[in-house]
C-alpha atoms as a PDB file:
ATOM      1  CA  MET A   1      13.397  34.096  -4.827  1.00  0.00           C
ATOM      2  CA  HIS A   2      11.038  33.672  -1.750  1.00  0.00           C
ATOM      3  CA  THR A   3      13.096  34.204   1.633  1.00  0.00           C
ATOM      4  CA  GLY A   4      10.265  34.443   4.121  1.00  0.00           C
ATOM      5  CA  PRO A   5       8.871  31.577   6.191  1.00  0.00           C
ATOM      6  CA  PRO A   6       7.666  28.631   4.299  1.00  0.00           C
ATOM      7  CA  LYS A   7       3.831  28.454   3.511  1.00  0.00           C
ATOM      8  CA  LEU A   8       1.840  26.036   5.447  1.00  0.00           C
ATOM      9  CA  ARG A   9      -0.315  23.699   3.291  1.00  0.00           C
ATOM     10  CA  ILE A  10      -3.377  22.801   5.051  1.00  0.00           C
ATOM     11  CA  ILE A  11      -4.837  19.486   3.980  1.00  0.00           C
ATOM     12  CA  HIS A  12      -8.491  18.933   4.843  1.00  0.00           C
ATOM     13  CA  MET A  13      -9.080  15.148   5.625  1.00  0.00           C
ATOM     14  CA  ALA A  14     -12.235  13.315   6.423  1.00  0.00           C
ATOM     15  CA  ASN A  15     -12.711  11.994   9.904  1.00  0.00           C
ATOM     16  CA  LEU A  16     -10.741   8.904  10.248  1.00  0.00           C
ATOM     17  CA  THR A  17     -11.340   5.555  12.100  1.00  0.00           C
ATOM     18  CA  LEU A  18      -8.496   3.344  13.613  1.00  0.00           C
ATOM     19  CA  VAL A  19      -9.632  -0.351  13.688  1.00  0.00           C
ATOM     20  CA  TYR A  20      -7.738  -2.446  16.218  1.00  0.00           C
ATOM     21  CA  GLY A  21      -8.386  -5.338  18.363  1.00  0.00           C
ATOM     22  CA  LEU A  22      -6.671  -6.609  21.679  1.00  0.00           C
ATOM     23  CA  ARG A  23      -6.889  -9.911  23.327  1.00  0.00           C
ATOM     24  CA  LEU A  24      -4.360 -11.491  25.797  1.00  0.00           C
ATOM     25  CA  LEU A  25      -3.864 -15.310  25.422  1.00  0.00           C
ATOM     26  CA  PRO A  26      -0.937 -17.645  26.703  1.00  0.00           C
ATOM     27  CA  SER A  27       1.759 -17.110  24.143  1.00  0.00           C
ATOM     28  CA  ASP A  28       2.391 -20.880  23.793  1.00  0.00           C
ATOM     29  CA  GLU A  29      -1.358 -21.406  22.909  1.00  0.00           C
ATOM     30  CA  ILE A  30      -1.217 -19.492  19.696  1.00  0.00           C
ATOM     31  CA  THR A  31      -0.539 -21.381  16.430  1.00  0.00           C
ATOM     32  CA  GLU A  32      -1.537 -18.742  13.638  1.00  0.00           C
ATOM     33  CA  VAL A  33      -2.645 -15.198  13.412  1.00  0.00           C
ATOM     34  CA  GLY A  34      -4.388 -14.034  10.272  1.00  0.00           C
ATOM     35  CA  ASP A  35      -5.652 -10.749   8.606  1.00  0.00           C
ATOM     36  CA  ALA A  36      -9.093  -9.582  10.013  1.00  0.00           C
ATOM     37  CA  PRO A  37     -11.619  -8.576   7.409  1.00  0.00           C
ATOM     38  CA  VAL A  38     -13.463  -5.194   7.542  1.00  0.00           C
ATOM     39  CA  LYS A  39     -16.664  -4.570   5.474  1.00  0.00           C
ATOM     40  CA  LEU A  40     -16.917  -1.153   3.812  1.00  0.00           C
ATOM     41  CA  LYS A  41     -20.095   0.561   2.980  1.00  0.00           C
ATOM     42  CA  ASN A  42     -19.415   0.381  -0.662  1.00  0.00           C
ATOM     43  CA  GLY A  43     -19.708  -3.454  -0.601  1.00  0.00           C
ATOM     44  CA  ARG A  44     -15.920  -3.778  -0.741  1.00  0.00           C
ATOM     45  CA  GLU A  45     -13.770  -5.595   1.927  1.00  0.00           C
ATOM     46  CA  ALA A  46     -10.608  -4.389   3.517  1.00  0.00           C
ATOM     47  CA  ARG A  47      -8.083  -6.430   5.553  1.00  0.00           C
ATOM     48  CA  VAL A  48      -6.550  -5.403   8.861  1.00  0.00           C
ATOM     49  CA  THR A  49      -3.033  -6.973   9.407  1.00  0.00           C
ATOM     50  CA  MET A  50      -3.046  -8.335  12.927  1.00  0.00           C
ATOM     51  CA  HIS A  51       0.198  -8.065  15.102  1.00  0.00           C
ATOM     52  CA  THR A  52       1.440 -10.004  18.175  1.00  0.00           C
ATOM     53  CA  LEU A  53       3.342  -8.595  20.945  1.00  0.00           C
ATOM     54  CA  GLU A  54       4.870 -10.763  23.570  1.00  0.00           C
ATOM     55  CA  GLY A  55       6.441 -10.304  27.068  1.00  0.00           C
ATOM     56  CA  SER A  56       5.395  -8.900  30.327  1.00  0.00           C
ATOM     57  CA  LYS A  57       2.691  -6.323  30.968  1.00  0.00           C
ATOM     58  CA  GLU A  58       5.105  -3.545  30.893  1.00  0.00           C
ATOM     59  CA  GLU A  59       6.957  -5.081  27.769  1.00  0.00           C
ATOM     60  CA  ILE A  60       3.812  -5.225  25.856  1.00  0.00           C
ATOM     61  CA  GLU A  61       2.795  -1.737  26.635  1.00  0.00           C
ATOM     62  CA  LYS A  62       6.161  -0.204  25.741  1.00  0.00           C
ATOM     63  CA  GLN A  63       6.089  -2.334  22.483  1.00  0.00           C
ATOM     64  CA  LEU A  64       2.543  -1.264  21.777  1.00  0.00           C
ATOM     65  CA  LYS A  65       3.271   2.400  22.040  1.00  0.00           C
ATOM     66  CA  THR A  66       6.267   2.110  19.968  1.00  0.00           C
ATOM     67  CA  SER A  67       4.207   0.172  17.344  1.00  0.00           C
ATOM     68  CA  LEU A  68       1.424   2.980  17.451  1.00  0.00           C
ATOM     69  CA  GLU A  69       3.871   5.702  16.966  1.00  0.00           C
ATOM     70  CA  ALA A  70       5.672   3.995  14.023  1.00  0.00           C
ATOM     71  CA  PHE A  71       2.085   3.544  12.465  1.00  0.00           C
ATOM     72  CA  PHE A  72       1.374   7.154  12.303  1.00  0.00           C
ATOM     73  CA  ASP A  73       4.925   7.845  10.986  1.00  0.00           C
ATOM     74  CA  PHE A  74       3.648   6.381   7.818  1.00  0.00           C
ATOM     75  CA  TYR A  75       1.048   9.198   7.678  1.00  0.00           C
ATOM     76  CA  PRO A  76       2.859  12.397   8.193  1.00  0.00           C
ATOM     77  CA  GLU A  77       0.164  14.441   6.624  1.00  0.00           C
ATOM     78  CA  ILE A  78      -2.303  13.516   9.448  1.00  0.00           C
END
């Protein structure tokens, strides 16, 4: 039985790209938000889910920070 500190597993990952877009619009002007297409070098297409945040500047900033932190929680290996 091994009783020492756990071994660290180092995972080498390729450089990553975070794709995002931001735009402020009057909240009562938006009727629909859809996925945005991303073209990949291999000819395939990926989709980026678009999200909306509403509120004051401070509320939007707080929601955006929380959303970004939650996004990276999906990828603990990064």
